[in-house]
PDB file of N, CA and C in Angstrom:
ATOM      1  N   THR A   1       1.203 124.455 -77.614  1.00  0.00           N
ATOM      2  CA  THR A   1      -0.137 124.796 -78.062  1.00  0.00           C
ATOM      3  C   THR A   1      -0.276 126.303 -78.170  1.00  0.00           C
ATOM      4  N   ARG A   2      -1.307 126.738 -78.831  1.00  0.00           N
ATOM      5  CA  ARG A   2      -1.505 128.171 -79.005  1.00  0.00           C
ATOM      6  C   ARG A   2      -1.859 128.846 -77.695  1.00  0.00           C
ATOM      7  N   TYR A   3      -2.566 128.150 -76.823  1.00  0.00           N
ATOM      8  CA  TYR A   3      -2.930 128.761 -75.546  1.00  0.00           C
ATOM      9  C   TYR A   3      -1.686 129.075 -74.715  1.00  0.00           C
ATOM     10  N   MET A   4      -0.675 128.264 -74.838  1.00  0.00           N
ATOM     11  CA  MET A   4       0.563 128.475 -74.083  1.00  0.00           C
ATOM     12  C   MET A   4       1.471 129.490 -74.776  1.00  0.00           C
ATOM     13  N   ARG A   5       1.016 130.081 -75.862  1.00  0.00           N
ATOM     14  CA  ARG A   5       1.771 131.075 -76.631  1.00  0.00           C
ATOM     15  C   ARG A   5       3.136 130.543 -77.049  1.00  0.00           C
ATOM     16  N   ARG A   6       3.169 129.299 -77.455  1.00  0.00           N
ATOM     17  CA  ARG A   6       4.373 128.626 -77.956  1.00  0.00           C
ATOM     18  C   ARG A   6       5.500 128.573 -76.925  1.00  0.00           C
ATOM     19  N   GLN A   7       5.142 128.596 -75.644  1.00  0.00           N
ATOM     20  CA  GLN A   7       6.137 128.476 -74.587  1.00  0.00           C
ATOM     21  C   GLN A   7       6.055 127.079 -74.009  1.00  0.00           C
ATOM     22  N   GLY A   8       7.077 126.684 -73.300  1.00  0.00           N
ATOM     23  CA  GLY A   8       7.073 125.381 -72.649  1.00  0.00           C
ATOM     24  C   GLY A   8       7.210 124.244 -73.644  1.00  0.00           C
ATOM     25  N   GLN A   9       7.085 123.032 -73.118  1.00  0.00           N
ATOM     26  CA  GLN A   9       7.171 121.833 -73.942  1.00  0.00           C
ATOM     27  C   GLN A   9       5.961 120.956 -73.678  1.00  0.00           C
ATOM     28  N   VAL A  10       5.499 120.271 -74.718  1.00  0.00           N
ATOM     29  CA  VAL A  10       4.385 119.330 -74.611  1.00  0.00           C
ATOM     30  C   VAL A  10       4.870 117.984 -75.128  1.00  0.00           C
ATOM     31  N   TRP A  11       4.642 116.937 -74.345  1.00  0.00           N
ATOM     32  CA  TRP A  11       4.966 115.578 -74.769  1.00  0.00           C
ATOM     33  C   TRP A  11       3.676 114.802 -74.939  1.00  0.00           C
ATOM     34  N   VAL A  12       3.549 114.122 -76.077  1.00  0.00           N
ATOM     35  CA  VAL A  12       2.425 113.217 -76.310  1.00  0.00           C
ATOM     36  C   VAL A  12       2.912 111.835 -75.909  1.00  0.00           C
ATOM     37  N   ARG A  13       2.322 111.278 -74.857  1.00  0.00           N
ATOM     38  CA  ARG A  13       2.816 110.036 -74.267  1.00  0.00           C
ATOM     39  C   ARG A  13       2.111 108.797 -74.809  1.00  0.00           C
ATOM     40  N   ILE A  14       1.354 108.943 -75.873  1.00  0.00           N
ATOM     41  CA  ILE A  14       0.590 107.817 -76.405  1.00  0.00           C
ATOM     42  C   ILE A  14       0.902 107.706 -77.893  1.00  0.00           C
ATOM     43  N   PHE A  15       0.967 106.481 -78.398  1.00  0.00           N
ATOM     44  CA  PHE A  15       1.300 106.266 -79.805  1.00  0.00           C
ATOM     45  C   PHE A  15       0.369 105.206 -80.390  1.00  0.00           C
ATOM     46  N   PRO A  16      -0.179 105.431 -81.589  1.00  0.00           N
ATOM     47  CA  PRO A  16      -1.069 104.437 -82.203  1.00  0.00           C
ATOM     48  C   PRO A  16      -0.274 103.262 -82.770  1.00  0.00           C
ATOM     49  N   ASP A  17      -0.164 102.188 -82.000  1.00  0.00           N
ATOM     50  CA  ASP A  17       0.641 101.053 -82.435  1.00  0.00           C
ATOM     51  C   ASP A  17      -0.155  99.755 -82.547  1.00  0.00           C
ATOM     52  N   LYS A  18      -1.484  99.825 -82.475  1.00  0.00           N
ATOM     53  CA  LYS A  18      -2.305  98.625 -82.607  1.00  0.00           C
ATOM     54  C   LYS A  18      -2.989  98.647 -83.978  1.00  0.00           C
ATOM     55  N   PRO A  19      -2.671  97.687 -84.854  1.00  0.00           N
ATOM     56  CA  PRO A  19      -3.289  97.691 -86.184  1.00  0.00           C
ATOM     57  C   PRO A  19      -4.742  97.220 -86.135  1.00  0.00           C
ATOM     58  N   ILE A  20      -5.577  97.870 -86.935  1.00  0.00           N
ATOM     59  CA  ILE A  20      -6.976  97.477 -87.091  1.00  0.00           C
ATOM     60  C   ILE A  20      -7.126  96.937 -88.509  1.00  0.00           C
ATOM     61  N   THR A  21      -7.625  95.710 -88.626  1.00  0.00           N
ATOM     62  CA  THR A  21      -7.745  95.074 -89.936  1.00  0.00           C
ATOM     63  C   THR A  21      -9.179  95.134 -90.428  1.00  0.00           C
ATOM     64  N   LYS A  22      -9.322  95.045 -91.752  1.00  0.00           N
ATOM     65  CA  LYS A  22     -10.646  95.068 -92.371  1.00  0.00           C
ATOM     66  C   LYS A  22     -10.571  94.306 -93.689  1.00  0.00           C
ATOM     67  N   LYS A  23     -11.580  93.488 -93.918  1.00  0.00           N
ATOM     68  CA  LYS A  23     -11.636  92.759 -95.180  1.00  0.00           C
ATOM     69  C   LYS A  23     -12.266  93.651 -96.248  1.00  0.00           C
ATOM     70  N   PRO A  24     -11.895  93.470 -97.511  1.00  0.00           N
ATOM     71  CA  PRO A  24     -12.477  94.290 -98.577  1.00  0.00           C
ATOM     72  C   PRO A  24     -13.987  94.084 -98.694  1.00  0.00           C
ATOM     73  N   ALA A  25     -14.646  95.019 -99.350  1.00  0.00           N
ATOM     74  CA  ALA A  25     -16.093  94.940 -99.541  1.00  0.00           C
ATOM     75  C   ALA A  25     -16.441  93.764-100.458  1.00  0.00           C
ATOM     76  N   GLU A  26     -17.559  93.147-100.186  1.00  0.00           N
ATOM     77  CA  GLU A  26     -18.120  92.051-100.990  1.00  0.00           C
ATOM     78  C   GLU A  26     -17.170  90.862-101.101  1.00  0.00           C
ATOM     79  N   VAL A  27     -16.538  90.494-100.006  1.00  0.00           N
ATOM     80  CA  VAL A  27     -15.672  89.321 -99.955  1.00  0.00           C
ATOM     81  C   VAL A  27     -16.330  88.311 -99.039  1.00  0.00           C
ATOM     82  N   ARG A  28     -16.303  87.036 -99.439  1.00  0.00           N
ATOM     83  CA  ARG A  28     -16.923  85.992 -98.621  1.00  0.00           C
ATOM     84  C   ARG A  28     -16.198  85.827 -97.298  1.00  0.00           C
ATOM     85  N   MET A  29     -16.895  85.238 -96.343  1.00  0.00           N
ATOM     86  CA  MET A  29     -16.330  85.011 -95.018  1.00  0.00           C
ATOM     87  C   MET A  29     -15.196  83.990 -95.113  1.00  0.00           C
ATOM     88  N   GLY A  30     -14.284  84.066 -94.164  1.00  0.00           N
ATOM     89  CA  GLY A  30     -13.176  83.124 -94.130  1.00  0.00           C
ATOM     90  C   GLY A  30     -11.973  83.644 -94.885  1.00  0.00           C
ATOM     91  N   LYS A  31     -11.094  82.744 -95.252  1.00  0.00           N
ATOM     92  CA  LYS A  31      -9.875  83.037 -96.021  1.00  0.00           C
ATOM     93  C   LYS A  31      -8.899  83.931 -95.262  1.00  0.00           C
ATOM     94  N   GLY A  32      -8.884  83.851 -93.951  1.00  0.00           N
ATOM     95  CA  GLY A  32      -7.877  84.566 -93.167  1.00  0.00           C
ATOM     96  C   GLY A  32      -8.288  85.972 -92.766  1.00  0.00           C
ATOM     97  N   LYS A  33      -7.377  86.594 -92.088  1.00  0.00           N
ATOM     98  CA  LYS A  33      -7.615  87.933 -91.560  1.00  0.00           C
ATOM     99  C   LYS A  33      -7.399  88.976 -92.650  1.00  0.00           C
ATOM    100  N   GLY A  34      -8.099  90.088 -92.547  1.00  0.00           N
ATOM    101  CA  GLY A  34      -7.993  91.144 -93.540  1.00  0.00           C
ATOM    102  C   GLY A  34      -6.706  91.943 -93.417  1.00  0.00           C
ATOM    103  N   ASN A  35      -6.542  92.872 -94.330  1.00  0.00           N
ATOM    104  CA  ASN A  35      -5.351  93.722 -94.349  1.00  0.00           C
ATOM    105  C   ASN A  35      -5.471  94.843 -93.317  1.00  0.00           C
ATOM    106  N   PRO A  36      -4.339  95.340 -92.817  1.00  0.00           N
ATOM    107  CA  PRO A  36      -4.400  96.464 -91.869  1.00  0.00           C
ATOM    108  C   PRO A  36      -5.023  97.700 -92.525  1.00  0.00           C
ATOM    109  N   GLU A  37      -6.040  98.238 -91.895  1.00  0.00           N
ATOM    110  CA  GLU A  37      -6.745  99.415 -92.408  1.00  0.00           C
ATOM    111  C   GLU A  37      -6.189 100.701 -91.789  1.00  0.00           C
ATOM    112  N   GLY A  38      -5.763 100.615 -90.534  1.00  0.00           N
ATOM    113  CA  GLY A  38      -5.229 101.784 -89.840  1.00  0.00           C
ATOM    114  C   GLY A  38      -4.693 101.359 -88.487  1.00  0.00           C
ATOM    115  N   TYR A  39      -4.264 102.334 -87.717  1.00  0.00           N
ATOM    116  CA  TYR A  39      -3.704 102.057 -86.396  1.00  0.00           C
ATOM    117  C   TYR A  39      -4.425 102.893 -85.349  1.00  0.00           C
ATOM    118  N   VAL A  40      -4.589 102.325 -84.160  1.00  0.00           N
ATOM    119  CA  VAL A  40      -5.244 103.016 -83.057  1.00  0.00           C
ATOM    120  C   VAL A  40      -4.359 102.935 -81.817  1.00  0.00           C
ATOM    121  N   ALA A  41      -4.680 103.774 -80.847  1.00  0.00           N
ATOM    122  CA  ALA A  41      -3.978 103.765 -79.567  1.00  0.00           C
ATOM    123  C   ALA A  41      -4.986 103.403 -78.484  1.00  0.00           C
ATOM    124  N   PRO A  42      -4.946 102.179 -77.961  1.00  0.00           N
ATOM    125  CA  PRO A  42      -5.886 101.818 -76.904  1.00  0.00           C
ATOM    126  C   PRO A  42      -5.583 102.605 -75.629  1.00  0.00           C
ATOM    127  N   VAL A  43      -6.609 103.238 -75.077  1.00  0.00           N
ATOM    128  CA  VAL A  43      -6.450 104.054 -73.870  1.00  0.00           C
ATOM    129  C   VAL A  43      -7.142 103.345 -72.717  1.00  0.00           C
ATOM    130  N   THR A  44      -6.369 103.011 -71.695  1.00  0.00           N
ATOM    131  CA  THR A  44      -6.922 102.370 -70.509  1.00  0.00           C
ATOM    132  C   THR A  44      -6.949 103.386 -69.373  1.00  0.00           C
ATOM    133  N   PRO A  45      -7.793 103.187 -68.365  1.00  0.00           N
ATOM    134  CA  PRO A  45      -7.814 104.120 -67.233  1.00  0.00           C
ATOM    135  C   PRO A  45      -6.442 104.201 -66.561  1.00  0.00           C
ATOM    136  N   GLY A  46      -6.028 105.405 -66.241  1.00  0.00           N
ATOM    137  CA  GLY A  46      -4.737 105.623 -65.604  1.00  0.00           C
ATOM    138  C   GLY A  46      -3.606 105.927 -66.567  1.00  0.00           C
ATOM    139  N   ARG A  47      -3.882 105.888 -67.854  1.00  0.00           N
ATOM    140  CA  ARG A  47      -2.854 106.147 -68.862  1.00  0.00           C
ATOM    141  C   ARG A  47      -2.597 107.645 -68.990  1.00  0.00           C
ATOM    142  N   ILE A  48      -1.337 108.053 -68.967  1.00  0.00           N
ATOM    143  CA  ILE A  48      -0.986 109.462 -69.139  1.00  0.00           C
ATOM    144  C   ILE A  48      -0.923 109.751 -70.633  1.00  0.00           C
ATOM    145  N   LEU A  49      -1.680 110.770 -71.071  1.00  0.00           N
ATOM    146  CA  LEU A  49      -1.744 111.101 -72.484  1.00  0.00           C
ATOM    147  C   LEU A  49      -0.791 112.237 -72.852  1.00  0.00           C
ATOM    148  N   PHE A  50      -0.744 113.278 -72.025  1.00  0.00           N
ATOM    149  CA  PHE A  50       0.077 114.449 -72.321  1.00  0.00           C
ATOM    150  C   PHE A  50       0.849 114.876 -71.084  1.00  0.00           C
ATOM    151  N   GLU A  51       2.016 115.474 -71.316  1.00  0.00           N
ATOM    152  CA  GLU A  51       2.796 116.101 -70.249  1.00  0.00           C
ATOM    153  C   GLU A  51       3.184 117.496 -70.718  1.00  0.00           C
ATOM    154  N   ILE A  52       3.189 118.445 -69.769  1.00  0.00           N
ATOM    155  CA  ILE A  52       3.553 119.827 -70.083  1.00  0.00           C
ATOM    156  C   ILE A  52       4.612 120.285 -69.092  1.00  0.00           C
ATOM    157  N   GLU A  53       5.581 121.068 -69.601  1.00  0.00           N
ATOM    158  CA  GLU A  53       6.629 121.622 -68.748  1.00  0.00           C
ATOM    159  C   GLU A  53       7.005 123.001 -69.272  1.00  0.00           C
ATOM    160  N   GLY A  54       7.391 123.880 -68.362  1.00  0.00           N
ATOM    161  CA  GLY A  54       7.900 125.182 -68.771  1.00  0.00           C
ATOM    162  C   GLY A  54       6.889 126.303 -68.749  1.00  0.00           C
ATOM    163  N   VAL A  55       5.670 126.066 -68.253  1.00  0.00           N
ATOM    164  CA  VAL A  55       4.663 127.120 -68.118  1.00  0.00           C
ATOM    165  C   VAL A  55       4.102 127.069 -66.702  1.00  0.00           C
ATOM    166  N   SER A  56       3.365 128.096 -66.322  1.00  0.00           N
ATOM    167  CA  SER A  56       2.801 128.131 -64.973  1.00  0.00           C
ATOM    168  C   SER A  56       1.694 127.088 -64.826  1.00  0.00           C
ATOM    169  N   PHE A  57       1.347 126.806 -63.584  1.00  0.00           N
ATOM    170  CA  PHE A  57       0.322 125.807 -63.286  1.00  0.00           C
ATOM    171  C   PHE A  57      -1.015 126.178 -63.925  1.00  0.00           C
ATOM    172  N   GLU A  58      -1.401 127.449 -63.829  1.00  0.00           N
ATOM    173  CA  GLU A  58      -2.695 127.888 -64.358  1.00  0.00           C
ATOM    174  C   GLU A  58      -2.752 127.755 -65.876  1.00  0.00           C
ATOM    175  N   VAL A  59      -1.675 128.118 -66.549  1.00  0.00           N
ATOM    176  CA  VAL A  59      -1.632 128.018 -68.012  1.00  0.00           C
ATOM    177  C   VAL A  59      -1.682 126.558 -68.444  1.00  0.00           C
ATOM    178  N   ALA A  60      -0.936 125.695 -67.764  1.00  0.00           N
ATOM    179  CA  ALA A  60      -0.936 124.269 -68.104  1.00  0.00           C
ATOM    180  C   ALA A  60      -2.311 123.658 -67.879  1.00  0.00           C
ATOM    181  N   GLN A  61      -2.963 124.024 -66.782  1.00  0.00           N
ATOM    182  CA  GLN A  61      -4.277 123.466 -66.474  1.00  0.00           C
ATOM    183  C   GLN A  61      -5.306 123.877 -67.525  1.00  0.00           C
ATOM    184  N   GLU A  62      -5.290 125.140 -67.931  1.00  0.00           N
ATOM    185  CA  GLU A  62      -6.256 125.602 -68.928  1.00  0.00           C
ATOM    186  C   GLU A  62      -5.955 125.010 -70.306  1.00  0.00           C
ATOM    187  N   ALA A  63      -4.681 124.886 -70.664  1.00  0.00           N
ATOM    188  CA  ALA A  63      -4.322 124.304 -71.958  1.00  0.00           C
ATOM    189  C   ALA A  63      -4.764 122.847 -72.039  1.00  0.00           C
ATOM    190  N   LEU A  64      -4.562 122.089 -70.967  1.00  0.00           N
ATOM    191  CA  LEU A  64      -4.985 120.687 -70.975  1.00  0.00           C
ATOM    192  C   LEU A  64      -6.503 120.559 -70.904  1.00  0.00           C
ATOM    193  N   ARG A  65      -7.184 121.504 -70.270  1.00  0.00           N
ATOM    194  CA  ARG A  65      -8.649 121.481 -70.248  1.00  0.00           C
ATOM    195  C   ARG A  65      -9.202 121.690 -71.659  1.00  0.00           C
ATOM    196  N   LEU A  66      -8.608 122.620 -72.403  1.00  0.00           N
ATOM    197  CA  LEU A  66      -9.036 122.854 -73.778  1.00  0.00           C
ATOM    198  C   LEU A  66      -8.761 121.635 -74.658  1.00  0.00           C
ATOM    199  N   ALA A  67      -7.627 120.973 -74.439  1.00  0.00           N
ATOM    200  CA  ALA A  67      -7.299 119.776 -75.220  1.00  0.00           C
ATOM    201  C   ALA A  67      -8.228 118.622 -74.866  1.00  0.00           C
ATOM    202  N   ALA A  68      -8.611 118.510 -73.594  1.00  0.00           N
ATOM    203  CA  ALA A  68      -9.462 117.403 -73.153  1.00  0.00           C
ATOM    204  C   ALA A  68     -10.853 117.484 -73.759  1.00  0.00           C
ATOM    205  N   GLN A  69     -11.308 118.684 -74.091  1.00  0.00           N
ATOM    206  CA  GLN A  69     -12.631 118.829 -74.694  1.00  0.00           C
ATOM    207  C   GLN A  69     -12.696 118.189 -76.077  1.00  0.00           C
ATOM    208  N   LYS A  70     -11.568 118.029 -76.720  1.00  0.00           N
ATOM    209  CA  LYS A  70     -11.524 117.453 -78.065  1.00  0.00           C
ATOM    210  C   LYS A  70     -11.365 115.935 -78.064  1.00  0.00           C
ATOM    211  N   LEU A  71     -11.165 115.343 -76.896  1.00  0.00           N
ATOM    212  CA  LEU A  71     -10.936 113.904 -76.810  1.00  0.00           C
ATOM    213  C   LEU A  71     -12.234 113.164 -76.500  1.00  0.00           C
ATOM    214  N   PRO A  72     -12.406 111.950 -77.037  1.00  0.00           N
ATOM    215  CA  PRO A  72     -13.626 111.171 -76.788  1.00  0.00           C
ATOM    216  C   PRO A  72     -13.577 110.359 -75.499  1.00  0.00           C
ATOM    217  N   VAL A  73     -12.693 110.697 -74.572  1.00  0.00           N
ATOM    218  CA  VAL A  73     -12.582 109.982 -73.302  1.00  0.00           C
ATOM    219  C   VAL A  73     -12.644 110.988 -72.160  1.00  0.00           C
ATOM    220  N   THR A  74     -12.993 110.502 -70.977  1.00  0.00           N
ATOM    221  CA  THR A  74     -12.985 111.347 -69.792  1.00  0.00           C
ATOM    222  C   THR A  74     -11.550 111.488 -69.300  1.00  0.00           C
ATOM    223  N   THR A  75     -11.143 112.710 -69.013  1.00  0.00           N
ATOM    224  CA  THR A  75      -9.764 112.952 -68.611  1.00  0.00           C
ATOM    225  C   THR A  75      -9.702 113.553 -67.211  1.00  0.00           C
ATOM    226  N   LYS A  76      -8.501 113.532 -66.644  1.00  0.00           N
ATOM    227  CA  LYS A  76      -8.265 114.054 -65.305  1.00  0.00           C
ATOM    228  C   LYS A  76      -6.902 114.735 -65.302  1.00  0.00           C
ATOM    229  N   PHE A  77      -6.818 115.885 -64.650  1.00  0.00           N
ATOM    230  CA  PHE A  77      -5.572 116.643 -64.566  1.00  0.00           C
ATOM    231  C   PHE A  77      -4.781 116.141 -63.369  1.00  0.00           C
ATOM    232  N   VAL A  78      -3.549 115.691 -63.596  1.00  0.00           N
ATOM    233  CA  VAL A  78      -2.710 115.132 -62.535  1.00  0.00           C
ATOM    234  C   VAL A  78      -1.432 115.960 -62.445  1.00  0.00           C
ATOM    235  N   VAL A  79      -1.002 116.262 -61.215  1.00  0.00           N
ATOM    236  CA  VAL A  79       0.224 117.030 -60.991  1.00  0.00           C
ATOM    237  C   VAL A  79       1.271 116.110 -60.386  1.00  0.00           C
ATOM    238  N   ARG A  80       2.499 116.211 -60.880  1.00  0.00           N
ATOM    239  CA  ARG A  80       3.588 115.403 -60.361  1.00  0.00           C
ATOM    240  C   ARG A  80       3.855 115.766 -58.900  1.00  0.00           C
ATOM    241  N   ARG A  81       4.236 114.796 -58.094  1.00  0.00           N
ATOM    242  CA  ARG A  81       4.427 115.015 -56.649  1.00  0.00           C
ATOM    243  C   ARG A  81       5.491 116.052 -56.332  1.00  0.00           C
ATOM    244  N   ASP A  82       6.581 116.049 -57.086  1.00  0.00           N
ATOM    245  CA  ASP A  82       7.682 116.957 -56.769  1.00  0.00           C
ATOM    246  C   ASP A  82       7.557 118.315 -57.458  1.00  0.00           C
ATOM    247  N   TYR A  83       6.375 118.646 -57.965  1.00  0.00           N
ATOM    248  CA  TYR A  83       6.163 119.924 -58.641  1.00  0.00           C
ATOM    249  C   TYR A  83       6.059 121.041 -57.612  1.00  0.00           C
ATOM    250  N   ASP A  84       6.750 122.164 -57.847  1.00  0.00           N
ATOM    251  CA  ASP A  84       6.737 123.304 -56.938  1.00  0.00           C
ATOM    252  C   ASP A  84       5.743 124.336 -57.470  1.00  0.00           C
ATOM    253  N   TYR A  85       4.619 124.537 -56.758  1.00  0.00           N
ATOM    254  CA  TYR A  85       3.574 125.457 -57.201  1.00  0.00           C
ATOM    255  C   TYR A  85       4.047 126.913 -57.210  1.00  0.00           C
ATOM    256  N   ASP A  86       4.971 127.261 -56.322  1.00  0.00           N
ATOM    257  CA  ASP A  86       5.407 128.644 -56.206  1.00  0.00           C
ATOM    258  C   ASP A  86       6.374 129.053 -57.311  1.00  0.00           C
ATOM    259  N   LYS A  87       6.962 128.074 -57.979  1.00  0.00           N
ATOM    260  CA  LYS A  87       7.938 128.371 -59.024  1.00  0.00           C
ATOM    261  C   LYS A  87       7.220 128.913 -60.254  1.00  0.00           C
ATOM    262  N   LYS A  88       7.566 130.093 -60.675  1.00  0.00           N
ATOM    263  CA  LYS A  88       6.972 130.693 -61.870  1.00  0.00           C
ATOM    264  C   LYS A  88       7.914 130.461 -63.036  1.00  0.00           C
ATOM    265  N   SER A  89       7.434 129.786 -64.065  1.00  0.00           N
ATOM    266  CA  SER A  89       8.288 129.504 -65.219  1.00  0.00           C
ATOM    267  C   SER A  89       8.052 130.519 -66.305  1.00  0.00           C
TER     268      SER A  89
END
């Protein structure tokens, strides 16, 4: 991301793999399911959306806070158990 000044790595851990169907306009009811209109990614509580590596804790926290403001869901910042806070990347 730009906040990280192009350092580190970001992984997007979610993929839109659920098709959403829609019937054409002015079509009578019935006659089967409509054609796929697009794909969505269902987000359930506890799902990890992004991972960051290679930057300091403060930079990662602020970058994910800025990204979370753009999402339509409530997010939470989680740190891996074996992460060393003193290590400066």
